[in-house]
Each structure stands twice: as structure tokens, then as C-alpha cells.
Amino acid sequence: MINRIKQIIDYYNLSINAFAKKIGSNQVTINQQINGDRKISLDTILKIANSFELISTDWLLTGKGNMFNNINTSTNNEDLIVTNKNLSETVKSLSRTIENLSHK
């Protein structure tokens, strides 16, 4: 299940912190669960299922089937908007980092 959670994080281009915020969980808890220091709780699984409606709960729980539920085009567009927003935020963050490093 850890690998499937990592796939979700990668697909949405989220940091662990952003992922934890999106599902309404503590970053330290999510880090510990993803690193295997702590078992993934039912609470975390439910939060993921409720926060990522496109993700198939069957796939999340068992690894069987497709990662995504059967979705319509409007939901697909919403997903692209979220992904685009996350990528834009990443670009802005990296630009600030480059700017800060340039001034040193």
C-alpha cells in the first residue's frame, strides 16, 4: 500500500507536506507511515479515499484494477486543473530557490 500512496503523491506532484495537508493529516505521521516506521492507519486510508475521489479505493486497498475510477471528462478536467496548479506552485518555488541561490 505504501507504494500505491507514493504513486498518488507522484501523480499529483505533491510534497509529503502538501499531501498531508490535502488529506488533513499530520506530516510527521504521514512520513512515518510512508517510511514504514509506523503502520498505515485506517484513518489515513479513509482520508486518502475521501480526498482523492478519482482514486479507486479497490486499487488503493488491494492494488488490483486501475488506479482511477471510471470518470467523466469534466472530472478529468478538474484533475488537470489541480495538477497544473501544483506544477505552477512547484515552478514558483524552484524559481524563488534559484533567485535566492543567485544572490549568495
PDB file of N, CA and C in Angstrom:
ATOM      1  N   MET A   1       0.813  -1.191   0.000  1.00  0.00           N
ATOM      2  CA  MET A   1       0.000   0.000   0.000  1.00  0.00           C
ATOM      3  C   MET A   1       0.861   1.261   0.000  1.00  0.00           C
ATOM      4  N   ILE A   2       2.003   1.186   0.633  1.00  0.00           N
ATOM      5  CA  ILE A   2       2.908   2.338   0.666  1.00  0.00           C
ATOM      6  C   ILE A   2       3.266   2.778  -0.755  1.00  0.00           C
ATOM      7  N   ASN A   3       3.568   1.822  -1.620  1.00  0.00           N
ATOM      8  CA  ASN A   3       3.909   2.174  -2.998  1.00  0.00           C
ATOM      9  C   ASN A   3       2.743   2.830  -3.714  1.00  0.00           C
ATOM     10  N   ARG A   4       1.518   2.396  -3.437  1.00  0.00           N
ATOM     11  CA  ARG A   4       0.356   2.999  -4.075  1.00  0.00           C
ATOM     12  C   ARG A   4       0.148   4.429  -3.570  1.00  0.00           C
ATOM     13  N   ILE A   5       0.392   4.650  -2.305  1.00  0.00           N
ATOM     14  CA  ILE A   5       0.284   6.010  -1.764  1.00  0.00           C
ATOM     15  C   ILE A   5       1.358   6.894  -2.410  1.00  0.00           C
ATOM     16  N   LYS A   6       2.551   6.358  -2.569  1.00  0.00           N
ATOM     17  CA  LYS A   6       3.616   7.114  -3.242  1.00  0.00           C
ATOM     18  C   LYS A   6       3.231   7.431  -4.683  1.00  0.00           C
ATOM     19  N   GLN A   7       2.546   6.497  -5.351  1.00  0.00           N
ATOM     20  CA  GLN A   7       2.092   6.735  -6.715  1.00  0.00           C
ATOM     21  C   GLN A   7       1.099   7.902  -6.762  1.00  0.00           C
ATOM     22  N   ILE A   8       0.216   7.966  -5.788  1.00  0.00           N
ATOM     23  CA  ILE A   8      -0.740   9.070  -5.718  1.00  0.00           C
ATOM     24  C   ILE A   8       0.000  10.388  -5.530  1.00  0.00           C
ATOM     25  N   ILE A   9       0.944  10.391  -4.607  1.00  0.00           N
ATOM     26  CA  ILE A   9       1.726  11.602  -4.335  1.00  0.00           C
ATOM     27  C   ILE A   9       2.470  12.031  -5.593  1.00  0.00           C
ATOM     28  N   ASP A  10       3.083  11.084  -6.279  1.00  0.00           N
ATOM     29  CA  ASP A  10       3.813  11.396  -7.513  1.00  0.00           C
ATOM     30  C   ASP A  10       2.874  11.889  -8.608  1.00  0.00           C
ATOM     31  N   TYR A  11       1.742  11.222  -8.767  1.00  0.00           N
ATOM     32  CA  TYR A  11       0.805  11.593  -9.824  1.00  0.00           C
ATOM     33  C   TYR A  11       0.345  13.040  -9.659  1.00  0.00           C
ATOM     34  N   TYR A  12       0.041  13.426  -8.434  1.00  0.00           N
ATOM     35  CA  TYR A  12      -0.428  14.781  -8.171  1.00  0.00           C
ATOM     36  C   TYR A  12       0.715  15.763  -7.931  1.00  0.00           C
ATOM     37  N   ASN A  13       1.948  15.273  -8.037  1.00  0.00           N
ATOM     38  CA  ASN A  13       3.134  16.110  -7.882  1.00  0.00           C
ATOM     39  C   ASN A  13       3.105  16.876  -6.551  1.00  0.00           C
ATOM     40  N   LEU A  14       2.853  16.141  -5.475  1.00  0.00           N
ATOM     41  CA  LEU A  14       2.757  16.744  -4.149  1.00  0.00           C
ATOM     42  C   LEU A  14       3.982  16.409  -3.312  1.00  0.00           C
ATOM     43  N   SER A  15       4.347  17.330  -2.452  1.00  0.00           N
ATOM     44  CA  SER A  15       5.337  17.014  -1.426  1.00  0.00           C
ATOM     45  C   SER A  15       4.596  16.237  -0.336  1.00  0.00           C
ATOM     46  N   ILE A  16       5.341  15.628   0.555  1.00  0.00           N
ATOM     47  CA  ILE A  16       4.709  14.917   1.671  1.00  0.00           C
ATOM     48  C   ILE A  16       3.887  15.904   2.500  1.00  0.00           C
ATOM     49  N   ASN A  17       4.428  17.099   2.695  1.00  0.00           N
ATOM     50  CA  ASN A  17       3.719  18.112   3.460  1.00  0.00           C
ATOM     51  C   ASN A  17       2.405  18.495   2.777  1.00  0.00           C
ATOM     52  N   ALA A  18       2.446  18.737   1.467  1.00  0.00           N
ATOM     53  CA  ALA A  18       1.231  19.109   0.726  1.00  0.00           C
ATOM     54  C   ALA A  18       0.215  17.961   0.742  1.00  0.00           C
ATOM     55  N   PHE A  19       0.711  16.736   0.615  1.00  0.00           N
ATOM     56  CA  PHE A  19      -0.167  15.566   0.666  1.00  0.00           C
ATOM     57  C   PHE A  19      -0.845  15.474   2.027  1.00  0.00           C
ATOM     58  N   ALA A  20      -0.054  15.619   3.088  1.00  0.00           N
ATOM     59  CA  ALA A  20      -0.605  15.548   4.449  1.00  0.00           C
ATOM     60  C   ALA A  20      -1.663  16.623   4.658  1.00  0.00           C
ATOM     61  N   LYS A  21      -1.388  17.840   4.182  1.00  0.00           N
ATOM     62  CA  LYS A  21      -2.370  18.919   4.316  1.00  0.00           C
ATOM     63  C   LYS A  21      -3.634  18.595   3.535  1.00  0.00           C
ATOM     64  N   LYS A  22      -3.476  18.072   2.323  1.00  0.00           N
ATOM     65  CA  LYS A  22      -4.641  17.772   1.480  1.00  0.00           C
ATOM     66  C   LYS A  22      -5.559  16.747   2.145  1.00  0.00           C
ATOM     67  N   ILE A  23      -4.981  15.764   2.787  1.00  0.00           N
ATOM     68  CA  ILE A  23      -5.825  14.743   3.416  1.00  0.00           C
ATOM     69  C   ILE A  23      -6.194  15.108   4.856  1.00  0.00           C
ATOM     70  N   GLY A  24      -5.638  16.196   5.368  1.00  0.00           N
ATOM     71  CA  GLY A  24      -5.961  16.629   6.724  1.00  0.00           C
ATOM     72  C   GLY A  24      -5.263  15.816   7.792  1.00  0.00           C
ATOM     73  N   SER A  25      -4.001  15.496   7.527  1.00  0.00           N
ATOM     74  CA  SER A  25      -3.244  14.685   8.467  1.00  0.00           C
ATOM     75  C   SER A  25      -1.943  15.391   8.837  1.00  0.00           C
ATOM     76  N   ASN A  26      -1.283  14.868   9.843  1.00  0.00           N
ATOM     77  CA  ASN A  26      -0.018  15.416  10.313  1.00  0.00           C
ATOM     78  C   ASN A  26       1.120  14.925   9.419  1.00  0.00           C
ATOM     79  N   GLN A  27       2.001  15.842   9.020  1.00  0.00           N
ATOM     80  CA  GLN A  27       3.105  15.480   8.137  1.00  0.00           C
ATOM     81  C   GLN A  27       4.022  14.430   8.761  1.00  0.00           C
ATOM     82  N   VAL A  28       4.302  14.553  10.037  1.00  0.00           N
ATOM     83  CA  VAL A  28       5.187  13.601  10.706  1.00  0.00           C
ATOM     84  C   VAL A  28       4.576  12.199  10.650  1.00  0.00           C
ATOM     85  N   THR A  29       3.284  12.116  10.902  1.00  0.00           N
ATOM     86  CA  THR A  29       2.590  10.821  10.860  1.00  0.00           C
ATOM     87  C   THR A  29       2.687  10.211   9.471  1.00  0.00           C
ATOM     88  N   ILE A  30       2.410  11.011   8.445  1.00  0.00           N
ATOM     89  CA  ILE A  30       2.463  10.514   7.067  1.00  0.00           C
ATOM     90  C   ILE A  30       3.884  10.088   6.715  1.00  0.00           C
ATOM     91  N   ASN A  31       4.876  10.875   7.098  1.00  0.00           N
ATOM     92  CA  ASN A  31       6.280  10.500   6.850  1.00  0.00           C
ATOM     93  C   ASN A  31       6.593   9.147   7.487  1.00  0.00           C
ATOM     94  N   GLN A  32       6.186   8.973   8.726  1.00  0.00           N
ATOM     95  CA  GLN A  32       6.463   7.718   9.436  1.00  0.00           C
ATOM     96  C   GLN A  32       5.771   6.539   8.758  1.00  0.00           C
ATOM     97  N   GLN A  33       4.547   6.759   8.294  1.00  0.00           N
ATOM     98  CA  GLN A  33       3.811   5.690   7.634  1.00  0.00           C
ATOM     99  C   GLN A  33       4.431   5.347   6.283  1.00  0.00           C
ATOM    100  N   ILE A  34       4.810   6.345   5.526  1.00  0.00           N
ATOM    101  CA  ILE A  34       5.400   6.101   4.203  1.00  0.00           C
ATOM    102  C   ILE A  34       6.783   5.468   4.330  1.00  0.00           C
ATOM    103  N   ASN A  35       7.516   5.841   5.362  1.00  0.00           N
ATOM    104  CA  ASN A  35       8.849   5.268   5.576  1.00  0.00           C
ATOM    105  C   ASN A  35       8.795   3.885   6.213  1.00  0.00           C
ATOM    106  N   GLY A  36       7.610   3.451   6.621  1.00  0.00           N
ATOM    107  CA  GLY A  36       7.468   2.132   7.224  1.00  0.00           C
ATOM    108  C   GLY A  36       7.770   2.096   8.709  1.00  0.00           C
ATOM    109  N   ASP A  37       7.973   3.264   9.318  1.00  0.00           N
ATOM    110  CA  ASP A  37       8.235   3.324  10.752  1.00  0.00           C
ATOM    111  C   ASP A  37       6.954   3.119  11.557  1.00  0.00           C
ATOM    112  N   ARG A  38       5.830   3.286  10.888  1.00  0.00           N
ATOM    113  CA  ARG A  38       4.518   3.179  11.509  1.00  0.00           C
ATOM    114  C   ARG A  38       3.577   2.533  10.505  1.00  0.00           C
ATOM    115  N   LYS A  39       2.663   1.719  10.975  1.00  0.00           N
ATOM    116  CA  LYS A  39       1.689   1.106  10.067  1.00  0.00           C
ATOM    117  C   LYS A  39       0.728   2.177   9.554  1.00  0.00           C
ATOM    118  N   ILE A  40       0.292   1.987   8.329  1.00  0.00           N
ATOM    119  CA  ILE A  40      -0.685   2.906   7.760  1.00  0.00           C
ATOM    120  C   ILE A  40      -2.016   2.662   8.449  1.00  0.00           C
ATOM    121  N   SER A  41      -2.567   3.715   9.008  1.00  0.00           N
ATOM    122  CA  SER A  41      -3.797   3.583   9.792  1.00  0.00           C
ATOM    123  C   SER A  41      -5.029   3.617   8.892  1.00  0.00           C
ATOM    124  N   LEU A  42      -6.103   3.072   9.410  1.00  0.00           N
ATOM    125  CA  LEU A  42      -7.380   3.139   8.711  1.00  0.00           C
ATOM    126  C   LEU A  42      -7.790   4.592   8.513  1.00  0.00           C
ATOM    127  N   ASP A  43      -7.504   5.426   9.491  1.00  0.00           N
ATOM    128  CA  ASP A  43      -7.809   6.852   9.396  1.00  0.00           C
ATOM    129  C   ASP A  43      -7.116   7.469   8.182  1.00  0.00           C
ATOM    130  N   THR A  44      -5.853   7.144   7.983  1.00  0.00           N
ATOM    131  CA  THR A  44      -5.115   7.667   6.830  1.00  0.00           C
ATOM    132  C   THR A  44      -5.729   7.166   5.530  1.00  0.00           C
ATOM    133  N   ILE A  45      -6.058   5.902   5.474  1.00  0.00           N
ATOM    134  CA  ILE A  45      -6.659   5.332   4.264  1.00  0.00           C
ATOM    135  C   ILE A  45      -7.978   6.028   3.943  1.00  0.00           C
ATOM    136  N   LEU A  46      -8.808   6.227   4.952  1.00  0.00           N
ATOM    137  CA  LEU A  46     -10.088   6.905   4.742  1.00  0.00           C
ATOM    138  C   LEU A  46      -9.895   8.349   4.286  1.00  0.00           C
ATOM    139  N   LYS A  47      -8.918   9.014   4.867  1.00  0.00           N
ATOM    140  CA  LYS A  47      -8.637  10.397   4.469  1.00  0.00           C
ATOM    141  C   LYS A  47      -8.180  10.463   3.013  1.00  0.00           C
ATOM    142  N   ILE A  48      -7.354   9.511   2.609  1.00  0.00           N
ATOM    143  CA  ILE A  48      -6.901   9.476   1.209  1.00  0.00           C
ATOM    144  C   ILE A  48      -8.096   9.232   0.291  1.00  0.00           C
ATOM    145  N   ALA A  49      -8.918   8.237   0.633  1.00  0.00           N
ATOM    146  CA  ALA A  49     -10.077   7.906  -0.194  1.00  0.00           C
ATOM    147  C   ALA A  49     -11.030   9.089  -0.319  1.00  0.00           C
ATOM    148  N   ASN A  50     -11.218   9.824   0.754  1.00  0.00           N
ATOM    149  CA  ASN A  50     -12.124  10.974   0.730  1.00  0.00           C
ATOM    150  C   ASN A  50     -11.523  12.195   0.052  1.00  0.00           C
ATOM    151  N   SER A  51     -10.210  12.307   0.047  1.00  0.00           N
ATOM    152  CA  SER A  51      -9.548  13.475  -0.528  1.00  0.00           C
ATOM    153  C   SER A  51      -9.246  13.323  -2.010  1.00  0.00           C
ATOM    154  N   PHE A  52      -9.142  12.099  -2.482  1.00  0.00           N
ATOM    155  CA  PHE A  52      -8.803  11.842  -3.884  1.00  0.00           C
ATOM    156  C   PHE A  52      -9.917  10.991  -4.500  1.00  0.00           C
ATOM    157  N   GLU A  53     -10.980  11.652  -4.906  1.00  0.00           N
ATOM    158  CA  GLU A  53     -12.156  10.944  -5.413  1.00  0.00           C
ATOM    159  C   GLU A  53     -11.875  10.176  -6.705  1.00  0.00           C
ATOM    160  N   LEU A  54     -10.856  10.601  -7.445  1.00  0.00           N
ATOM    161  CA  LEU A  54     -10.524   9.911  -8.695  1.00  0.00           C
ATOM    162  C   LEU A  54      -9.857   8.565  -8.450  1.00  0.00           C
ATOM    163  N   ILE A  55      -9.257   8.404  -7.282  1.00  0.00           N
ATOM    164  CA  ILE A  55      -8.501   7.194  -6.977  1.00  0.00           C
ATOM    165  C   ILE A  55      -9.464   6.070  -6.577  1.00  0.00           C
ATOM    166  N   SER A  56      -9.286   4.935  -7.178  1.00  0.00           N
ATOM    167  CA  SER A  56     -10.107   3.769  -6.868  1.00  0.00           C
ATOM    168  C   SER A  56      -9.742   3.237  -5.482  1.00  0.00           C
ATOM    169  N   THR A  57     -10.733   3.102  -4.628  1.00  0.00           N
ATOM    170  CA  THR A  57     -10.459   2.570  -3.286  1.00  0.00           C
ATOM    171  C   THR A  57     -10.062   1.095  -3.359  1.00  0.00           C
ATOM    172  N   ASP A  58     -10.627   0.370  -4.340  1.00  0.00           N
ATOM    173  CA  ASP A  58     -10.214  -1.032  -4.526  1.00  0.00           C
ATOM    174  C   ASP A  58      -8.729  -1.103  -4.835  1.00  0.00           C
ATOM    175  N   TRP A  59      -8.287  -0.248  -5.746  1.00  0.00           N
ATOM    176  CA  TRP A  59      -6.867  -0.220  -6.116  1.00  0.00           C
ATOM    177  C   TRP A  59      -6.020   0.186  -4.910  1.00  0.00           C
ATOM    178  N   LEU A  60      -6.462   1.215  -4.189  1.00  0.00           N
ATOM    179  CA  LEU A  60      -5.712   1.689  -3.032  1.00  0.00           C
ATOM    180  C   LEU A  60      -5.542   0.579  -1.995  1.00  0.00           C
ATOM    181  N   LEU A  61      -6.611  -0.147  -1.729  1.00  0.00           N
ATOM    182  CA  LEU A  61      -6.576  -1.180  -0.695  1.00  0.00           C
ATOM    183  C   LEU A  61      -5.891  -2.468  -1.140  1.00  0.00           C
ATOM    184  N   THR A  62      -6.138  -2.887  -2.399  1.00  0.00           N
ATOM    185  CA  THR A  62      -5.668  -4.207  -2.826  1.00  0.00           C
ATOM    186  C   THR A  62      -4.591  -4.183  -3.899  1.00  0.00           C
ATOM    187  N   GLY A  63      -4.487  -3.067  -4.604  1.00  0.00           N
ATOM    188  CA  GLY A  63      -3.540  -2.994  -5.722  1.00  0.00           C
ATOM    189  C   GLY A  63      -4.103  -3.599  -6.995  1.00  0.00           C
ATOM    190  N   LYS A  64      -5.348  -4.047  -6.954  1.00  0.00           N
ATOM    191  CA  LYS A  64      -5.962  -4.671  -8.129  1.00  0.00           C
ATOM    192  C   LYS A  64      -6.793  -3.644  -8.885  1.00  0.00           C
ATOM    193  N   GLY A  65      -6.816  -3.806 -10.206  1.00  0.00           N
ATOM    194  CA  GLY A  65      -7.607  -2.907 -11.033  1.00  0.00           C
ATOM    195  C   GLY A  65      -6.841  -1.653 -11.390  1.00  0.00           C
ATOM    196  N   ASN A  66      -7.578  -0.666 -11.850  1.00  0.00           N
ATOM    197  CA  ASN A  66      -6.984   0.606 -12.266  1.00  0.00           C
ATOM    198  C   ASN A  66      -6.832   1.547 -11.087  1.00  0.00           C
ATOM    199  N   MET A  67      -5.847   2.409 -11.187  1.00  0.00           N
ATOM    200  CA  MET A  67      -5.615   3.415 -10.154  1.00  0.00           C
ATOM    201  C   MET A  67      -6.812   4.368 -10.053  1.00  0.00           C
ATOM    202  N   PHE A  68      -7.462   4.624 -11.192  1.00  0.00           N
ATOM    203  CA  PHE A  68      -8.534   5.608 -11.228  1.00  0.00           C
ATOM    204  C   PHE A  68      -9.894   4.962 -11.402  1.00  0.00           C
ATOM    205  N   ASN A  69     -10.880   5.583 -10.782  1.00  0.00           N
ATOM    206  CA  ASN A  69     -12.262   5.191 -11.005  1.00  0.00           C
ATOM    207  C   ASN A  69     -12.624   5.542 -12.439  1.00  0.00           C
ATOM    208  N   ASN A  70     -13.673   4.945 -12.937  1.00  0.00           N
ATOM    209  CA  ASN A  70     -14.196   5.375 -14.229  1.00  0.00           C
ATOM    210  C   ASN A  70     -14.724   6.781 -14.037  1.00  0.00           C
ATOM    211  N   ILE A  71     -14.207   7.702 -14.830  1.00  0.00           N
ATOM    212  CA  ILE A  71     -14.532   9.114 -14.636  1.00  0.00           C
ATOM    213  C   ILE A  71     -15.015   9.725 -15.931  1.00  0.00           C
ATOM    214  N   ASN A  72     -15.737  10.831 -15.798  1.00  0.00           N
ATOM    215  CA  ASN A  72     -16.172  11.534 -16.997  1.00  0.00           C
ATOM    216  C   ASN A  72     -15.203  12.660 -17.334  1.00  0.00           C
ATOM    217  N   THR A  73     -15.408  13.299 -18.459  1.00  0.00           N
ATOM    218  CA  THR A  73     -14.478  14.315 -18.947  1.00  0.00           C
ATOM    219  C   THR A  73     -14.392  15.514 -18.016  1.00  0.00           C
ATOM    220  N   SER A  74     -15.501  15.936 -17.420  1.00  0.00           N
ATOM    221  CA  SER A  74     -15.447  17.107 -16.548  1.00  0.00           C
ATOM    222  C   SER A  74     -14.582  16.839 -15.322  1.00  0.00           C
ATOM    223  N   THR A  75     -14.646  15.632 -14.781  1.00  0.00           N
ATOM    224  CA  THR A  75     -13.783  15.283 -13.651  1.00  0.00           C
ATOM    225  C   THR A  75     -12.339  15.255 -14.103  1.00  0.00           C
ATOM    226  N   ASN A  76     -12.102  14.737 -15.302  1.00  0.00           N
ATOM    227  CA  ASN A  76     -10.754  14.717 -15.851  1.00  0.00           C
ATOM    228  C   ASN A  76     -10.196  16.131 -15.955  1.00  0.00           C
ATOM    229  N   ASN A  77     -11.004  17.075 -16.377  1.00  0.00           N
ATOM    230  CA  ASN A  77     -10.574  18.464 -16.482  1.00  0.00           C
ATOM    231  C   ASN A  77     -10.234  19.030 -15.117  1.00  0.00           C
ATOM    232  N   GLU A  78     -11.031  18.696 -14.111  1.00  0.00           N
ATOM    233  CA  GLU A  78     -10.744  19.151 -12.751  1.00  0.00           C
ATOM    234  C   GLU A  78      -9.397  18.607 -12.287  1.00  0.00           C
ATOM    235  N   ASP A  79      -9.115  17.368 -12.614  1.00  0.00           N
ATOM    236  CA  ASP A  79      -7.852  16.740 -12.253  1.00  0.00           C
ATOM    237  C   ASP A  79      -6.685  17.471 -12.917  1.00  0.00           C
ATOM    238  N   LEU A  80      -6.864  17.824 -14.187  1.00  0.00           N
ATOM    239  CA  LEU A  80      -5.812  18.552 -14.902  1.00  0.00           C
ATOM    240  C   LEU A  80      -5.583  19.934 -14.301  1.00  0.00           C
ATOM    241  N   ILE A  81      -6.641  20.576 -13.853  1.00  0.00           N
ATOM    242  CA  ILE A  81      -6.517  21.887 -13.225  1.00  0.00           C
ATOM    243  C   ILE A  81      -5.715  21.781 -11.933  1.00  0.00           C
ATOM    244  N   VAL A  82      -6.009  20.758 -11.135  1.00  0.00           N
ATOM    245  CA  VAL A  82      -5.279  20.541  -9.877  1.00  0.00           C
ATOM    246  C   VAL A  82      -3.806  20.264 -10.168  1.00  0.00           C
ATOM    247  N   THR A  83      -3.553  19.402 -11.136  1.00  0.00           N
ATOM    248  CA  THR A  83      -2.171  19.073 -11.492  1.00  0.00           C
ATOM    249  C   THR A  83      -1.438  20.309 -11.991  1.00  0.00           C
ATOM    250  N   ASN A  84      -2.093  21.091 -12.827  1.00  0.00           N
ATOM    251  CA  ASN A  84      -1.488  22.309 -13.356  1.00  0.00           C
ATOM    252  C   ASN A  84      -1.170  23.295 -12.233  1.00  0.00           C
ATOM    253  N   LYS A  85      -2.086  23.437 -11.283  1.00  0.00           N
ATOM    254  CA  LYS A  85      -1.863  24.332 -10.146  1.00  0.00           C
ATOM    255  C   LYS A  85      -0.660  23.865  -9.333  1.00  0.00           C
ATOM    256  N   ASN A  86      -0.588  22.567  -9.080  1.00  0.00           N
ATOM    257  CA  ASN A  86       0.545  22.026  -8.311  1.00  0.00           C
ATOM    258  C   ASN A  86       1.863  22.239  -9.040  1.00  0.00           C
ATOM    259  N   LEU A  87       1.858  22.045 -10.350  1.00  0.00           N
ATOM    260  CA  LEU A  87       3.081  22.263 -11.127  1.00  0.00           C
ATOM    261  C   LEU A  87       3.474  23.735 -11.103  1.00  0.00           C
ATOM    262  N   SER A  88       2.504  24.623 -11.203  1.00  0.00           N
ATOM    263  CA  SER A  88       2.794  26.063 -11.153  1.00  0.00           C
ATOM    264  C   SER A  88       3.418  26.447  -9.821  1.00  0.00           C
ATOM    265  N   GLU A  89       2.872  25.900  -8.744  1.00  0.00           N
ATOM    266  CA  GLU A  89       3.426  26.188  -7.416  1.00  0.00           C
ATOM    267  C   GLU A  89       4.853  25.663  -7.294  1.00  0.00           C
ATOM    268  N   THR A  90       5.112  24.504  -7.873  1.00  0.00           N
ATOM    269  CA  THR A  90       6.462  23.937  -7.849  1.00  0.00           C
ATOM    270  C   THR A  90       7.427  24.819  -8.621  1.00  0.00           C
ATOM    271  N   VAL A  91       7.014  25.285  -9.792  1.00  0.00           N
ATOM    272  CA  VAL A  91       7.863  26.166 -10.611  1.00  0.00           C
ATOM    273  C   VAL A  91       8.157  27.454  -9.854  1.00  0.00           C
ATOM    274  N   LYS A  92       7.145  28.053  -9.223  1.00  0.00           N
ATOM    275  CA  LYS A  92       7.355  29.282  -8.453  1.00  0.00           C
ATOM    276  C   LYS A  92       8.339  29.049  -7.318  1.00  0.00           C
ATOM    277  N   SER A  93       8.177  27.937  -6.625  1.00  0.00           N
ATOM    278  CA  SER A  93       9.064  27.611  -5.515  1.00  0.00           C
ATOM    279  C   SER A  93      10.505  27.426  -5.989  1.00  0.00           C
ATOM    280  N   LEU A  94      10.665  26.705  -7.083  1.00  0.00           N
ATOM    281  CA  LEU A  94      12.010  26.496  -7.627  1.00  0.00           C
ATOM    282  C   LEU A  94      12.611  27.809  -8.121  1.00  0.00           C
ATOM    283  N   SER A  95      11.795  28.676  -8.699  1.00  0.00           N
ATOM    284  CA  SER A  95      12.283  29.984  -9.154  1.00  0.00           C
ATOM    285  C   SER A  95      12.782  30.809  -7.977  1.00  0.00           C
ATOM    286  N   ARG A  96      12.036  30.777  -6.867  1.00  0.00           N
ATOM    287  CA  ARG A  96      12.480  31.508  -5.671  1.00  0.00           C
ATOM    288  C   ARG A  96      13.789  30.936  -5.143  1.00  0.00           C
ATOM    289  N   THR A  97      13.915  29.624  -5.155  1.00  0.00           N
ATOM    290  CA  THR A  97      15.142  28.987  -4.700  1.00  0.00           C
ATOM    291  C   THR A  97      16.317  29.398  -5.567  1.00  0.00           C
ATOM    292  N   ILE A  98      16.129  29.387  -6.867  1.00  0.00           N
ATOM    293  CA  ILE A  98      17.194  29.795  -7.797  1.00  0.00           C
ATOM    294  C   ILE A  98      17.575  31.244  -7.554  1.00  0.00           C
ATOM    295  N   GLU A  99      16.571  32.090  -7.373  1.00  0.00           N
ATOM    296  CA  GLU A  99      16.834  33.512  -7.125  1.00  0.00           C
ATOM    297  C   GLU A  99      17.620  33.691  -5.833  1.00  0.00           C
ATOM    298  N   ASN A 100      17.218  32.987  -4.790  1.00  0.00           N
ATOM    299  CA  ASN A 100      17.929  33.088  -3.506  1.00  0.00           C
ATOM    300  C   ASN A 100      19.367  32.592  -3.635  1.00  0.00           C
ATOM    301  N   LEU A 101      19.577  31.528  -4.355  1.00  0.00           N
ATOM    302  CA  LEU A 101      20.930  30.988  -4.533  1.00  0.00           C
ATOM    303  C   LEU A 101      21.779  31.931  -5.388  1.00  0.00           C
ATOM    304  N   SER A 102      21.162  32.620  -6.305  1.00  0.00           N
ATOM    305  CA  SER A 102      21.893  33.552  -7.179  1.00  0.00           C
ATOM    306  C   SER A 102      22.427  34.754  -6.412  1.00  0.00           C
ATOM    307  N   HIS A 103      21.742  35.124  -5.343  1.00  0.00           N
ATOM    308  CA  HIS A 103      22.133  36.299  -4.561  1.00  0.00           C
ATOM    309  C   HIS A 103      23.192  35.984  -3.514  1.00  0.00           C
ATOM    310  N   LYS A 104      23.540  34.720  -3.354  1.00  0.00           N
ATOM    311  CA  LYS A 104      24.531  34.357  -2.330  1.00  0.00           C
ATOM    312  C   LYS A 104      25.914  34.449  -2.872  1.00  0.00           C
TER     313      LYS A 104
END
